[in-house]
Amino acid sequence: MYQGVLGPWVGSEGAGVTTWTAVLSELRNRGIEDVRIVVCDGLKGLPDGVTATEASTGR
């Protein structure tokens, strides 16, 4: 199993859906094809970002 840091994201936009959609889209564009588990600890925009990213891929 390969493990590594996916990337550092620092921004002034907070943890909203726009930020998470951009992060997840970047990961997809870098070649990540399948995410099996997403863990969220109260980040309100992350679930919506996952949904938006999945919708844009047709999955």
PDB file of N, CA and C in Angstrom:
ATOM      1  N   MET A   1       0.842  -1.168   0.000  1.00  0.00           N
ATOM      2  CA  MET A   1       0.000   0.000   0.000  1.00  0.00           C
ATOM      3  C   MET A   1       0.888   1.232   0.000  1.00  0.00           C
ATOM      4  N   TYR A   2       0.599   2.172  -0.880  1.00  0.00           N
ATOM      5  CA  TYR A   2       1.348   3.418  -0.950  1.00  0.00           C
ATOM      6  C   TYR A   2       0.686   4.447  -0.049  1.00  0.00           C
ATOM      7  N   GLN A   3       1.497   5.097   0.758  1.00  0.00           N
ATOM      8  CA  GLN A   3       0.996   6.171   1.611  1.00  0.00           C
ATOM      9  C   GLN A   3       1.881   7.383   1.416  1.00  0.00           C
ATOM     10  N   GLY A   4       1.282   8.530   1.400  1.00  0.00           N
ATOM     11  CA  GLY A   4       2.056   9.745   1.258  1.00  0.00           C
ATOM     12  C   GLY A   4       1.179  10.958   1.478  1.00  0.00           C
ATOM     13  N   VAL A   5       1.802  12.083   1.532  1.00  0.00           N
ATOM     14  CA  VAL A   5       1.084  13.344   1.688  1.00  0.00           C
ATOM     15  C   VAL A   5       0.501  13.720   0.330  1.00  0.00           C
ATOM     16  N   LEU A   6      -0.777  13.985   0.292  1.00  0.00           N
ATOM     17  CA  LEU A   6      -1.423  14.341  -0.968  1.00  0.00           C
ATOM     18  C   LEU A   6      -1.147  15.776  -1.365  1.00  0.00           C
ATOM     19  N   GLY A   7      -0.978  16.655  -0.395  1.00  0.00           N
ATOM     20  CA  GLY A   7      -0.673  18.045  -0.700  1.00  0.00           C
ATOM     21  C   GLY A   7      -1.074  18.962   0.429  1.00  0.00           C
ATOM     22  N   PRO A   8      -0.435  20.104   0.503  1.00  0.00           N
ATOM     23  CA  PRO A   8      -0.811  21.100   1.509  1.00  0.00           C
ATOM     24  C   PRO A   8      -1.765  22.134   0.897  1.00  0.00           C
ATOM     25  N   TRP A   9      -2.861  22.376   1.554  1.00  0.00           N
ATOM     26  CA  TRP A   9      -3.788  23.391   1.084  1.00  0.00           C
ATOM     27  C   TRP A   9      -4.017  24.389   2.203  1.00  0.00           C
ATOM     28  N   VAL A  10      -3.698  25.630   1.925  1.00  0.00           N
ATOM     29  CA  VAL A  10      -3.900  26.708   2.879  1.00  0.00           C
ATOM     30  C   VAL A  10      -4.610  27.819   2.126  1.00  0.00           C
ATOM     31  N   GLY A  11      -5.674  28.293   2.690  1.00  0.00           N
ATOM     32  CA  GLY A  11      -6.401  29.344   2.003  1.00  0.00           C
ATOM     33  C   GLY A  11      -7.196  30.188   2.956  1.00  0.00           C
ATOM     34  N   SER A  12      -7.636  31.306   2.463  1.00  0.00           N
ATOM     35  CA  SER A  12      -8.415  32.226   3.282  1.00  0.00           C
ATOM     36  C   SER A  12      -9.915  32.011   3.094  1.00  0.00           C
ATOM     37  N   GLU A  13     -10.281  31.047   2.240  1.00  0.00           N
ATOM     38  CA  GLU A  13     -11.694  30.837   1.939  1.00  0.00           C
ATOM     39  C   GLU A  13     -12.393  29.938   2.949  1.00  0.00           C
ATOM     40  N   GLY A  14     -11.677  29.424   3.919  1.00  0.00           N
ATOM     41  CA  GLY A  14     -12.287  28.574   4.934  1.00  0.00           C
ATOM     42  C   GLY A  14     -12.449  27.144   4.460  1.00  0.00           C
ATOM     43  N   ALA A  15     -13.385  26.444   5.062  1.00  0.00           N
ATOM     44  CA  ALA A  15     -13.592  25.027   4.762  1.00  0.00           C
ATOM     45  C   ALA A  15     -14.938  24.804   4.100  1.00  0.00           C
ATOM     46  N   GLY A  16     -15.328  25.730   3.228  1.00  0.00           N
ATOM     47  CA  GLY A  16     -16.610  25.623   2.553  1.00  0.00           C
ATOM     48  C   GLY A  16     -16.576  24.695   1.354  1.00  0.00           C
ATOM     49  N   VAL A  17     -17.738  24.525   0.752  1.00  0.00           N
ATOM     50  CA  VAL A  17     -17.874  23.611  -0.373  1.00  0.00           C
ATOM     51  C   VAL A  17     -16.979  24.020  -1.545  1.00  0.00           C
ATOM     52  N   THR A  18     -16.793  25.302  -1.786  1.00  0.00           N
ATOM     53  CA  THR A  18     -15.952  25.756  -2.891  1.00  0.00           C
ATOM     54  C   THR A  18     -14.510  25.322  -2.695  1.00  0.00           C
ATOM     55  N   THR A  19     -13.998  25.468  -1.497  1.00  0.00           N
ATOM     56  CA  THR A  19     -12.624  25.072  -1.181  1.00  0.00           C
ATOM     57  C   THR A  19     -12.444  23.574  -1.363  1.00  0.00           C
ATOM     58  N   TRP A  20     -13.355  22.772  -0.798  1.00  0.00           N
ATOM     59  CA  TRP A  20     -13.221  21.324  -0.879  1.00  0.00           C
ATOM     60  C   TRP A  20     -13.424  20.803  -2.285  1.00  0.00           C
ATOM     61  N   THR A  21     -14.316  21.415  -3.044  1.00  0.00           N
ATOM     62  CA  THR A  21     -14.500  21.001  -4.434  1.00  0.00           C
ATOM     63  C   THR A  21     -13.219  21.252  -5.221  1.00  0.00           C
ATOM     64  N   ALA A  22     -12.561  22.380  -4.974  1.00  0.00           N
ATOM     65  CA  ALA A  22     -11.297  22.681  -5.660  1.00  0.00           C
ATOM     66  C   ALA A  22     -10.211  21.682  -5.276  1.00  0.00           C
ATOM     67  N   VAL A  23     -10.105  21.347  -3.994  1.00  0.00           N
ATOM     68  CA  VAL A  23      -9.090  20.388  -3.532  1.00  0.00           C
ATOM     69  C   VAL A  23      -9.345  19.016  -4.143  1.00  0.00           C
ATOM     70  N   LEU A  24     -10.576  18.544  -4.082  1.00  0.00           N
ATOM     71  CA  LEU A  24     -10.903  17.225  -4.609  1.00  0.00           C
ATOM     72  C   LEU A  24     -10.764  17.165  -6.125  1.00  0.00           C
ATOM     73  N   SER A  25     -11.105  18.242  -6.814  1.00  0.00           N
ATOM     74  CA  SER A  25     -10.921  18.290  -8.272  1.00  0.00           C
ATOM     75  C   SER A  25      -9.442  18.243  -8.631  1.00  0.00           C
ATOM     76  N   GLU A  26      -8.613  18.929  -7.864  1.00  0.00           N
ATOM     77  CA  GLU A  26      -7.169  18.891  -8.103  1.00  0.00           C
ATOM     78  C   GLU A  26      -6.633  17.476  -7.931  1.00  0.00           C
ATOM     79  N   LEU A  27      -7.064  16.793  -6.893  1.00  0.00           N
ATOM     80  CA  LEU A  27      -6.619  15.411  -6.678  1.00  0.00           C
ATOM     81  C   LEU A  27      -7.061  14.510  -7.831  1.00  0.00           C
ATOM     82  N   ARG A  28      -8.288  14.678  -8.282  1.00  0.00           N
ATOM     83  CA  ARG A  28      -8.785  13.900  -9.419  1.00  0.00           C
ATOM     84  C   ARG A  28      -7.961  14.181 -10.673  1.00  0.00           C
ATOM     85  N   ASN A  29      -7.645  15.447 -10.902  1.00  0.00           N
ATOM     86  CA  ASN A  29      -6.854  15.831 -12.069  1.00  0.00           C
ATOM     87  C   ASN A  29      -5.428  15.313 -11.997  1.00  0.00           C
ATOM     88  N   ARG A  30      -4.944  15.038 -10.788  1.00  0.00           N
ATOM     89  CA  ARG A  30      -3.598  14.481 -10.608  1.00  0.00           C
ATOM     90  C   ARG A  30      -3.576  12.965 -10.728  1.00  0.00           C
ATOM     91  N   GLY A  31      -4.735  12.347 -10.958  1.00  0.00           N
ATOM     92  CA  GLY A  31      -4.757  10.930 -11.241  1.00  0.00           C
ATOM     93  C   GLY A  31      -5.447  10.039 -10.238  1.00  0.00           C
ATOM     94  N   ILE A  32      -5.964  10.583  -9.155  1.00  0.00           N
ATOM     95  CA  ILE A  32      -6.685   9.751  -8.198  1.00  0.00           C
ATOM     96  C   ILE A  32      -8.033   9.395  -8.819  1.00  0.00           C
ATOM     97  N   GLU A  33      -8.273   8.096  -8.959  1.00  0.00           N
ATOM     98  CA  GLU A  33      -9.483   7.636  -9.634  1.00  0.00           C
ATOM     99  C   GLU A  33     -10.575   7.174  -8.693  1.00  0.00           C
ATOM    100  N   ASP A  34     -10.207   6.706  -7.510  1.00  0.00           N
ATOM    101  CA  ASP A  34     -11.212   6.133  -6.625  1.00  0.00           C
ATOM    102  C   ASP A  34     -10.866   6.448  -5.176  1.00  0.00           C
ATOM    103  N   VAL A  35     -11.833   6.960  -4.459  1.00  0.00           N
ATOM    104  CA  VAL A  35     -11.673   7.221  -3.032  1.00  0.00           C
ATOM    105  C   VAL A  35     -12.654   6.309  -2.312  1.00  0.00           C
ATOM    106  N   ARG A  36     -12.149   5.526  -1.407  1.00  0.00           N
ATOM    107  CA  ARG A  36     -12.997   4.550  -0.730  1.00  0.00           C
ATOM    108  C   ARG A  36     -13.573   5.074   0.586  1.00  0.00           C
ATOM    109  N   ILE A  37     -12.810   5.897   1.288  1.00  0.00           N
ATOM    110  CA  ILE A  37     -13.272   6.410   2.585  1.00  0.00           C
ATOM    111  C   ILE A  37     -12.956   7.896   2.677  1.00  0.00           C
ATOM    112  N   VAL A  38     -13.928   8.683   3.089  1.00  0.00           N
ATOM    113  CA  VAL A  38     -13.720  10.103   3.394  1.00  0.00           C
ATOM    114  C   VAL A  38     -14.199  10.299   4.829  1.00  0.00           C
ATOM    115  N   VAL A  39     -13.321  10.788   5.680  1.00  0.00           N
ATOM    116  CA  VAL A  39     -13.655  11.010   7.078  1.00  0.00           C
ATOM    117  C   VAL A  39     -13.795  12.506   7.304  1.00  0.00           C
ATOM    118  N   CYS A  40     -14.870  12.885   7.947  1.00  0.00           N
ATOM    119  CA  CYS A  40     -15.156  14.296   8.160  1.00  0.00           C
ATOM    120  C   CYS A  40     -15.487  14.532   9.631  1.00  0.00           C
ATOM    121  N   ASP A  41     -14.813  15.490  10.226  1.00  0.00           N
ATOM    122  CA  ASP A  41     -15.052  15.811  11.628  1.00  0.00           C
ATOM    123  C   ASP A  41     -15.622  17.225  11.734  1.00  0.00           C
ATOM    124  N   GLY A  42     -16.836  17.372  11.278  1.00  0.00           N
ATOM    125  CA  GLY A  42     -17.519  18.648  11.422  1.00  0.00           C
ATOM    126  C   GLY A  42     -17.219  19.685  10.346  1.00  0.00           C
ATOM    127  N   LEU A  43     -16.529  19.302   9.272  1.00  0.00           N
ATOM    128  CA  LEU A  43     -16.277  20.242   8.183  1.00  0.00           C
ATOM    129  C   LEU A  43     -17.521  20.289   7.301  1.00  0.00           C
ATOM    130  N   LYS A  44     -18.260  21.358   7.397  1.00  0.00           N
ATOM    131  CA  LYS A  44     -19.563  21.424   6.738  1.00  0.00           C
ATOM    132  C   LYS A  44     -19.466  21.356   5.219  1.00  0.00           C
ATOM    133  N   GLY A  45     -18.411  21.861   4.629  1.00  0.00           N
ATOM    134  CA  GLY A  45     -18.317  21.881   3.174  1.00  0.00           C
ATOM    135  C   GLY A  45     -17.787  20.604   2.560  1.00  0.00           C
ATOM    136  N   LEU A  46     -17.136  19.739   3.339  1.00  0.00           N
ATOM    137  CA  LEU A  46     -16.526  18.540   2.770  1.00  0.00           C
ATOM    138  C   LEU A  46     -17.546  17.569   2.178  1.00  0.00           C
ATOM    139  N   PRO A  47     -18.613  17.201   2.871  1.00  0.00           N
ATOM    140  CA  PRO A  47     -19.579  16.284   2.253  1.00  0.00           C
ATOM    141  C   PRO A  47     -20.158  16.834   0.943  1.00  0.00           C
ATOM    142  N   ASP A  48     -20.470  18.115   0.910  1.00  0.00           N
ATOM    143  CA  ASP A  48     -21.007  18.719  -0.306  1.00  0.00           C
ATOM    144  C   ASP A  48     -19.953  18.778  -1.409  1.00  0.00           C
ATOM    145  N   GLY A  49     -18.704  18.988  -1.031  1.00  0.00           N
ATOM    146  CA  GLY A  49     -17.603  18.980  -2.006  1.00  0.00           C
ATOM    147  C   GLY A  49     -17.417  17.618  -2.628  1.00  0.00           C
ATOM    148  N   VAL A  50     -17.533  16.567  -1.827  1.00  0.00           N
ATOM    149  CA  VAL A  50     -17.428  15.195  -2.340  1.00  0.00           C
ATOM    150  C   VAL A  50     -18.582  14.948  -3.326  1.00  0.00           C
ATOM    151  N   THR A  51     -19.772  15.331  -2.947  1.00  0.00           N
ATOM    152  CA  THR A  51     -20.928  15.138  -3.817  1.00  0.00           C
ATOM    153  C   THR A  51     -20.764  15.898  -5.130  1.00  0.00           C
ATOM    154  N   ALA A  52     -20.302  17.136  -5.060  1.00  0.00           N
ATOM    155  CA  ALA A  52     -20.114  17.949  -6.271  1.00  0.00           C
ATOM    156  C   ALA A  52     -19.048  17.357  -7.176  1.00  0.00           C
ATOM    157  N   THR A  53     -17.969  16.858  -6.579  1.00  0.00           N
ATOM    158  CA  THR A  53     -16.889  16.278  -7.374  1.00  0.00           C
ATOM    159  C   THR A  53     -17.341  14.984  -8.029  1.00  0.00           C
ATOM    160  N   GLU A  54     -18.081  14.152  -7.297  1.00  0.00           N
ATOM    161  CA  GLU A  54     -18.605  12.910  -7.884  1.00  0.00           C
ATOM    162  C   GLU A  54     -19.571  13.217  -9.018  1.00  0.00           C
ATOM    163  N   ALA A  55     -20.411  14.211  -8.839  1.00  0.00           N
ATOM    164  CA  ALA A  55     -21.384  14.561  -9.872  1.00  0.00           C
ATOM    165  C   ALA A  55     -20.695  15.025 -11.150  1.00  0.00           C
ATOM    166  N   SER A  56     -19.572  15.721 -11.012  1.00  0.00           N
ATOM    167  CA  SER A  56     -18.876  16.236 -12.200  1.00  0.00           C
ATOM    168  C   SER A  56     -18.142  15.123 -12.952  1.00  0.00           C
ATOM    169  N   THR A  57     -17.953  13.963 -12.323  1.00  0.00           N
ATOM    170  CA  THR A  57     -17.285  12.845 -12.998  1.00  0.00           C
ATOM    171  C   THR A  57     -18.299  11.851 -13.556  1.00  0.00           C
ATOM    172  N   GLY A  58     -19.560  12.025 -13.223  1.00  0.00           N
ATOM    173  CA  GLY A  58     -20.585  11.116 -13.707  1.00  0.00           C
ATOM    174  C   GLY A  58     -20.652   9.811 -12.944  1.00  0.00           C
ATOM    175  N   ARG A  59     -20.132   9.762 -11.732  1.00  0.00           N
ATOM    176  CA  ARG A  59     -20.154   8.520 -10.927  1.00  0.00           C
ATOM    177  C   ARG A  59     -21.354   8.485 -10.018  1.00  0.00           C
TER     178      ARG A  59
END
